[in-house]
N, C-alpha and C. Protein backbone atom coordinates (compact mmCIF):
# COMPACT_ATOMS: atom_id res chain seq x y z
N UNK A 1 1.84 14.42 3.30
CA UNK A 1 1.75 13.83 5.02
C UNK A 1 2.80 13.14 5.18
N UNK A 2 3.20 13.00 6.84
CA UNK A 2 4.25 12.22 7.40
C UNK A 2 3.74 10.59 8.14
N UNK A 3 4.70 10.44 7.85
CA UNK A 3 3.96 8.68 8.49
C UNK A 3 3.26 9.14 9.59
N UNK A 4 3.84 9.41 10.30
CA UNK A 4 2.70 9.68 11.92
C UNK A 4 1.03 9.44 11.47
N UNK A 5 1.33 11.06 10.27
CA UNK A 5 0.45 10.96 10.09
C UNK A 5 -1.01 9.76 9.60
N UNK A 6 0.28 9.28 7.89
CA UNK A 6 -0.21 8.58 7.82
C UNK A 6 -1.20 7.25 8.18
N UNK A 7 -0.02 7.09 9.32
CA UNK A 7 -0.36 5.33 10.35
C UNK A 7 -1.80 6.13 12.14
N UNK A 8 -1.33 7.05 11.18
CA UNK A 8 -2.77 7.76 12.01
C UNK A 8 -4.60 7.33 11.09
N UNK A 9 -4.38 8.48 10.73
CA UNK A 9 -5.72 8.04 9.33
C UNK A 9 -6.61 6.74 9.00
N UNK A 10 -4.77 5.80 8.68
CA UNK A 10 -5.38 5.27 8.46
C UNK A 10 -5.38 3.11 9.51
N UNK A 11 -4.97 4.26 10.59
CA UNK A 11 -5.21 3.06 11.58
C UNK A 11 -4.11 1.81 11.65
N UNK A 12 -2.50 2.96 11.18
CA UNK A 12 -2.45 1.36 11.64
C UNK A 12 -1.27 2.19 12.44
N UNK A 13 0.19 1.10 12.70
CA UNK A 13 1.16 1.71 13.19
C UNK A 13 2.23 2.57 12.88
N UNK A 14 3.11 3.17 12.89
CA UNK A 14 4.33 3.60 12.26
C UNK A 14 4.67 2.59 11.49
N UNK A 15 5.37 2.16 12.52
CA UNK A 15 5.86 0.35 11.83
C UNK A 15 5.61 0.76 11.09
N UNK A 16 4.46 0.17 10.77
CA UNK A 16 3.89 -0.34 8.95
C UNK A 16 4.00 0.20 7.99
N UNK A 17 3.51 1.62 8.29
CA UNK A 17 5.01 2.87 6.92
C UNK A 17 5.94 2.77 7.08
N UNK A 18 6.53 3.00 7.73
CA UNK A 18 8.05 2.60 7.93
C UNK A 18 8.67 1.43 6.69
N UNK A 19 7.90 0.29 7.41
CA UNK A 19 8.77 -1.02 6.81
C UNK A 19 7.24 -1.49 5.06
N UNK A 20 6.61 -0.25 4.46
CA UNK A 20 6.05 -0.72 3.18
C UNK A 20 6.83 0.14 2.52
N UNK A 21 7.29 1.14 3.88
CA UNK A 21 8.52 2.13 2.60
C UNK A 21 9.43 2.08 2.37
N UNK A 22 10.20 1.16 3.44
CA UNK A 22 11.82 0.61 3.05
C UNK A 22 11.45 -0.04 2.29
N UNK A 23 9.86 -1.35 2.02
CA UNK A 23 10.30 -1.92 0.97
C UNK A 23 10.11 -3.90 1.93
N UNK A 24 9.99 -3.72 2.82
CA UNK A 24 9.73 -5.82 3.32
C UNK A 24 8.77 -5.92 2.67
N UNK A 25 9.07 -7.18 2.69
CA UNK A 25 8.74 -7.78 1.66
C UNK A 25 8.21 -9.49 2.56
N UNK A 26 7.61 -9.15 4.39
CA UNK A 26 6.79 -9.65 4.53
C UNK A 26 5.85 -8.81 5.36
N UNK A 27 5.44 -7.79 4.68
CA UNK A 27 4.77 -6.42 5.31
C UNK A 27 3.66 -7.07 4.97
N UNK A 28 2.21 -7.33 5.31
CA UNK A 28 0.56 -7.75 5.17
C UNK A 28 0.43 -7.21 4.52
N UNK A 29 -0.05 -7.47 3.69
CA UNK A 29 -0.29 -7.63 2.96
C UNK A 29 -1.87 -6.77 2.31
N UNK A 30 -2.45 -7.46 3.13
CA UNK A 30 -4.14 -6.70 3.77
C UNK A 30 -3.86 -5.04 4.02
N UNK A 31 -2.42 -5.13 5.37
CA UNK A 31 -2.94 -4.09 5.99
C UNK A 31 -2.23 -2.35 4.57
N UNK A 32 -1.36 -3.48 3.77
CA UNK A 32 -0.99 -2.49 2.73
C UNK A 32 -1.80 -2.23 1.95
N UNK A 33 -2.50 -3.08 1.10
CA UNK A 33 -3.92 -2.52 0.56
C UNK A 33 -4.49 -1.44 0.85
N UNK A 34 -5.61 -1.35 2.30
CA UNK A 34 -6.13 0.00 3.26
C UNK A 34 -5.51 0.75 3.01
N UNK A 35 -3.71 1.03 3.16
CA UNK A 35 -3.21 1.99 2.82
C UNK A 35 -2.80 2.78 2.10
N UNK A 36 -2.60 1.27 1.20
CA UNK A 36 -3.00 2.10 -0.11
C UNK A 36 -3.82 2.88 -0.68
N UNK A 37 -5.71 2.01 -0.36
CA UNK A 37 -6.96 2.99 -0.45
C UNK A 37 -6.99 3.92 0.10
N UNK A 38 -6.20 4.52 1.97
CA UNK A 38 -6.37 5.54 1.87
C UNK A 38 -5.40 6.98 1.62
N UNK A 39 -4.57 6.40 1.21
CA UNK A 39 -4.93 7.41 -0.45
C UNK A 39 -5.26 7.19 -1.33
N UNK A 40 -5.63 7.21 -1.74
CA UNK A 40 -6.19 7.21 -3.57
C UNK A 40 -6.20 5.66 -4.70
N UNK A 41 -5.28 5.43 -4.07
CA UNK A 41 -4.31 4.61 -4.84
C UNK A 41 -5.15 2.88 -4.96
N UNK A 42 -5.12 1.43 -6.33
CA UNK A 42 -5.26 1.00 -6.54
C UNK A 42 -4.44 -0.11 -7.03
N UNK A 43 -4.44 -1.02 -6.70
CA UNK A 43 -3.42 -2.30 -7.07
C UNK A 43 -4.55 -3.49 -8.80
N UNK A 44 -3.79 -3.51 -10.03
CA UNK A 44 -4.43 -3.99 -10.94
C UNK A 44 -3.67 -5.11 -10.73
N UNK A 45 -4.58 -6.64 -10.58
CA UNK A 45 -3.53 -7.88 -10.40
C UNK A 45 -4.02 -9.06 -12.05
N UNK A 46 -3.01 -9.04 -12.47
CA UNK A 46 -3.64 -9.47 -14.58
C UNK A 46 -2.52 -11.14 -13.75
N UNK A 47 -3.65 -11.69 -15.11
CA UNK A 47 -3.30 -12.78 -15.15
C UNK A 47 -1.17 -13.02 -15.78
N UNK A 48 -1.06 -14.00 -15.53
CA UNK A 48 0.23 -13.86 -16.22
C UNK A 48 0.62 -13.86 -18.16
N UNK A 49 1.37 -12.60 -18.81
CA UNK A 49 0.87 -12.97 -20.04
C UNK A 49 -0.26 -11.39 -20.60
N UNK A 50 -1.11 -11.18 -19.84
CA UNK A 50 -1.97 -9.80 -20.54
C UNK A 50 -1.61 -8.36 -19.97
N UNK A 51 -2.19 -7.78 -20.47
CA UNK A 51 -1.27 -5.71 -19.88
C UNK A 51 -2.53 -5.86 -20.15
N UNK A 52 -3.01 -4.79 -19.44
CA UNK A 52 -3.91 -4.07 -19.54
C UNK A 52 -3.38 -2.81 -20.75
N UNK A 53 -4.10 -1.75 -21.26
CA UNK A 53 -3.16 -1.15 -21.95
C UNK A 53 -4.00 0.41 -21.86
N UNK A 54 -3.13 0.82 -21.75
CA UNK A 54 -3.62 2.79 -20.94
C UNK A 54 -3.89 3.03 -21.81
N UNK A 55 -5.31 3.89 -21.44
CA UNK A 55 -5.57 4.58 -22.47
C UNK A 55 -6.85 4.67 -22.71
């Protein structure tokens, strides 16, 4: 998927997609999570020392 296509589907600007891909540290987390959800991805956050078992 091209950057402009993803931006259109997610309802965000192309600049945000470029910033996410570049690893910009100040990108808005809410928008990043929304783009990830559009892509079918998610993020799990664990407490320090906690590890999720794979499998």
